[in-house]
């Protein structure tokens, strides 16, 4: 069967690993680059082994993320790259300054201690900023191939119908949401390429995204209310939803752009 063409529904970045997704009107993708301003920062929970001079991909459970602490959903964050301030609700923290980082760490520790089994004395938080690393090509992604992530919205709808629950696509924390593809057809495109727009970037499909218990957390309520991982296995025989892609040629992308699978 010939693949269906899709179009971009919306674009999302996640500046702080595990925290609030932020909508993006448009952005530029660069060859072999990550989605702009995505997973630049992370909150380390106690010593993780992270080395800014030689960063390695570590388990997400080393950080304050949904899979470990669902309560992080309670903190609505927003990053302003111009002023280098990270907002929690309406409170700004100057992450360019040690005092601002320290205040941010203590603020989040207080919230976690109130809602989770967490001891800030035993496991203090440390704000990590990959921009300070000696290594340029690294982000706090779950995979070394997590350059740009794509979510097929009809896959989410199909799973929702089978589970009998309306699943918010924000659970899956992807960069590019696509409308128009048949449910899960994109999983067959590994090694193929996607063209975005008439003159936009070309992406190579690397692999489907293996999902974890972070998807069980409702992004509005912070409750674990949907066992998506088990449902994926029960209904489809795998635990994947979405794609990791590599940027092969650069370009500007925006909502409404066509996403054409080059799979012939």
Foldseek 3Di string as FASTA:
>chain_A
DDWKWWFFAWFWAALEAAADIDTDFKDKDAFQAAGPNHQQKFKFWADQPADLQDGDAGAPCRTPHLLNQLQNLVFHWDADPVQCWIDGPNDTFNPVDPVSQVVVQVVVQVSCVVRHPDDCVVTGIGMDGSVPGPDDHDGNDNDSLQRAWEFEVQQQVVLCVVQVHNQDCVLVVGGTYIYDTHHPPCQVQAQWWKDWAPPAWIKHWHHFDQDDQSSLADSVPSDRHDPLQVSCCVPPVGRGGITRIGTRHMGMHGGGIMIGTPRD
